[in-house]
């Protein structure tokens, strides 16, 4: 990864760590192994967003997307 890519990664991780809300998964740790950046997030128990919205119509899915955003 270039130094510019690494800086962008570090800024992104810092931004994610600054977010605190019950509906946002927390970043627990981050780093770079060799040239590969990584981050670990808390495990959330439950279905994926795809599975949770599978039975919804388009209007309902848009409402969920607005809540997520």
C-alpha atoms as a PDB file:
ATOM      1  CA  UNK A   1       0.000   0.000   0.000  1.00  0.00           C
ATOM      2  CA  UNK A   2       1.255   3.473  -0.827  1.00  0.00           C
ATOM      3  CA  UNK A   3       1.725   6.043   1.907  1.00  0.00           C
ATOM      4  CA  UNK A   4      -1.349   7.900   0.585  1.00  0.00           C
ATOM      5  CA  UNK A   5      -3.446   4.732   0.812  1.00  0.00           C
ATOM      6  CA  UNK A   6      -2.164   4.071   4.320  1.00  0.00           C
ATOM      7  CA  UNK A   7      -3.046   7.610   5.431  1.00  0.00           C
ATOM      8  CA  UNK A   8      -6.563   7.237   3.980  1.00  0.00           C
ATOM      9  CA  UNK A   9      -6.948   3.908   5.793  1.00  0.00           C
ATOM     10  CA  UNK A  10      -5.802   5.444   9.086  1.00  0.00           C
ATOM     11  CA  UNK A  11      -8.176   8.415   8.668  1.00  0.00           C
ATOM     12  CA  UNK A  12     -11.047   6.037   7.911  1.00  0.00           C
ATOM     13  CA  UNK A  13     -10.338   3.927  10.988  1.00  0.00           C
ATOM     14  CA  UNK A  14     -10.095   7.084  13.129  1.00  0.00           C
ATOM     15  CA  UNK A  15     -13.461   8.257  11.780  1.00  0.00           C
ATOM     16  CA  UNK A  16     -15.065   4.873  12.482  1.00  0.00           C
ATOM     17  CA  UNK A  17     -13.657   4.851  16.031  1.00  0.00           C
ATOM     18  CA  UNK A  18     -15.118   8.314  16.673  1.00  0.00           C
ATOM     19  CA  UNK A  19     -18.659   7.112  15.936  1.00  0.00           C
ATOM     20  CA  UNK A  20     -20.657   6.088  18.993  1.00  0.00           C
ATOM     21  CA  UNK A  21     -24.252   4.972  18.557  1.00  0.00           C
ATOM     22  CA  UNK A  22     -26.175   1.847  19.587  1.00  0.00           C
ATOM     23  CA  UNK A  23     -26.854   1.105  15.913  1.00  0.00           C
ATOM     24  CA  UNK A  24     -23.209   1.302  14.799  1.00  0.00           C
ATOM     25  CA  UNK A  25     -20.748  -1.565  15.128  1.00  0.00           C
ATOM     26  CA  UNK A  26     -17.566  -0.546  16.961  1.00  0.00           C
ATOM     27  CA  UNK A  27     -14.046  -0.905  15.582  1.00  0.00           C
ATOM     28  CA  UNK A  28     -12.071  -2.860  18.187  1.00  0.00           C
ATOM     29  CA  UNK A  29      -8.595  -2.806  16.683  1.00  0.00           C
ATOM     30  CA  UNK A  30      -6.754  -1.963  13.477  1.00  0.00           C
ATOM     31  CA  UNK A  31      -3.322  -2.202  12.001  1.00  0.00           C
ATOM     32  CA  UNK A  32      -1.197  -3.161   9.047  1.00  0.00           C
ATOM     33  CA  UNK A  33       0.336  -6.610   8.593  1.00  0.00           C
ATOM     34  CA  UNK A  34       3.076  -6.359   5.996  1.00  0.00           C
ATOM     35  CA  UNK A  35       1.364  -4.232   3.366  1.00  0.00           C
ATOM     36  CA  UNK A  36      -2.167  -5.396   4.211  1.00  0.00           C
ATOM     37  CA  UNK A  37      -4.318  -3.027   6.278  1.00  0.00           C
ATOM     38  CA  UNK A  38      -6.909  -4.666   8.535  1.00  0.00           C
ATOM     39  CA  UNK A  39      -9.473  -3.790  11.163  1.00  0.00           C
ATOM     40  CA  UNK A  40     -11.548  -5.869  13.547  1.00  0.00           C
ATOM     41  CA  UNK A  41     -15.115  -4.969  14.443  1.00  0.00           C
ATOM     42  CA  UNK A  42     -17.357  -6.264  17.203  1.00  0.00           C
ATOM     43  CA  UNK A  43     -19.500  -9.262  16.350  1.00  0.00           C
ATOM     44  CA  UNK A  44     -23.191  -8.509  15.984  1.00  0.00           C
ATOM     45  CA  UNK A  45     -25.570 -11.383  16.540  1.00  0.00           C
ATOM     46  CA  UNK A  46     -28.470 -11.519  14.117  1.00  0.00           C
ATOM     47  CA  UNK A  47     -29.352 -11.823  10.453  1.00  0.00           C
ATOM     48  CA  UNK A  48     -27.606  -9.972   7.645  1.00  0.00           C
ATOM     49  CA  UNK A  49     -29.285  -6.872   6.264  1.00  0.00           C
ATOM     50  CA  UNK A  50     -30.099  -8.810   3.090  1.00  0.00           C
ATOM     51  CA  UNK A  51     -31.834 -11.554   5.052  1.00  0.00           C
ATOM     52  CA  UNK A  52     -33.586  -9.133   7.411  1.00  0.00           C
ATOM     53  CA  UNK A  53     -35.102  -7.161   4.507  1.00  0.00           C
ATOM     54  CA  UNK A  54     -35.878 -10.094   2.185  1.00  0.00           C
ATOM     55  CA  UNK A  55     -39.637  -9.983   2.771  1.00  0.00           C
ATOM     56  CA  UNK A  56     -40.000  -6.219   2.481  1.00  0.00           C
ATOM     57  CA  UNK A  57     -41.343  -4.305  -0.482  1.00  0.00           C
ATOM     58  CA  UNK A  58     -39.336  -1.512  -2.138  1.00  0.00           C
ATOM     59  CA  UNK A  59     -40.832   1.281   0.000  1.00  0.00           C
ATOM     60  CA  UNK A  60     -40.008  -0.590   3.202  1.00  0.00           C
ATOM     61  CA  UNK A  61     -36.463  -1.310   1.996  1.00  0.00           C
ATOM     62  CA  UNK A  62     -35.976   2.397   1.237  1.00  0.00           C
ATOM     63  CA  UNK A  63     -37.142   3.221   4.772  1.00  0.00           C
ATOM     64  CA  UNK A  64     -34.607   0.770   6.205  1.00  0.00           C
ATOM     65  CA  UNK A  65     -31.865   2.234   3.977  1.00  0.00           C
ATOM     66  CA  UNK A  66     -32.714   5.736   5.221  1.00  0.00           C
ATOM     67  CA  UNK A  67     -32.409   4.544   8.825  1.00  0.00           C
ATOM     68  CA  UNK A  68     -29.063   2.899   8.102  1.00  0.00           C
ATOM     69  CA  UNK A  69     -27.749   6.035   6.391  1.00  0.00           C
END
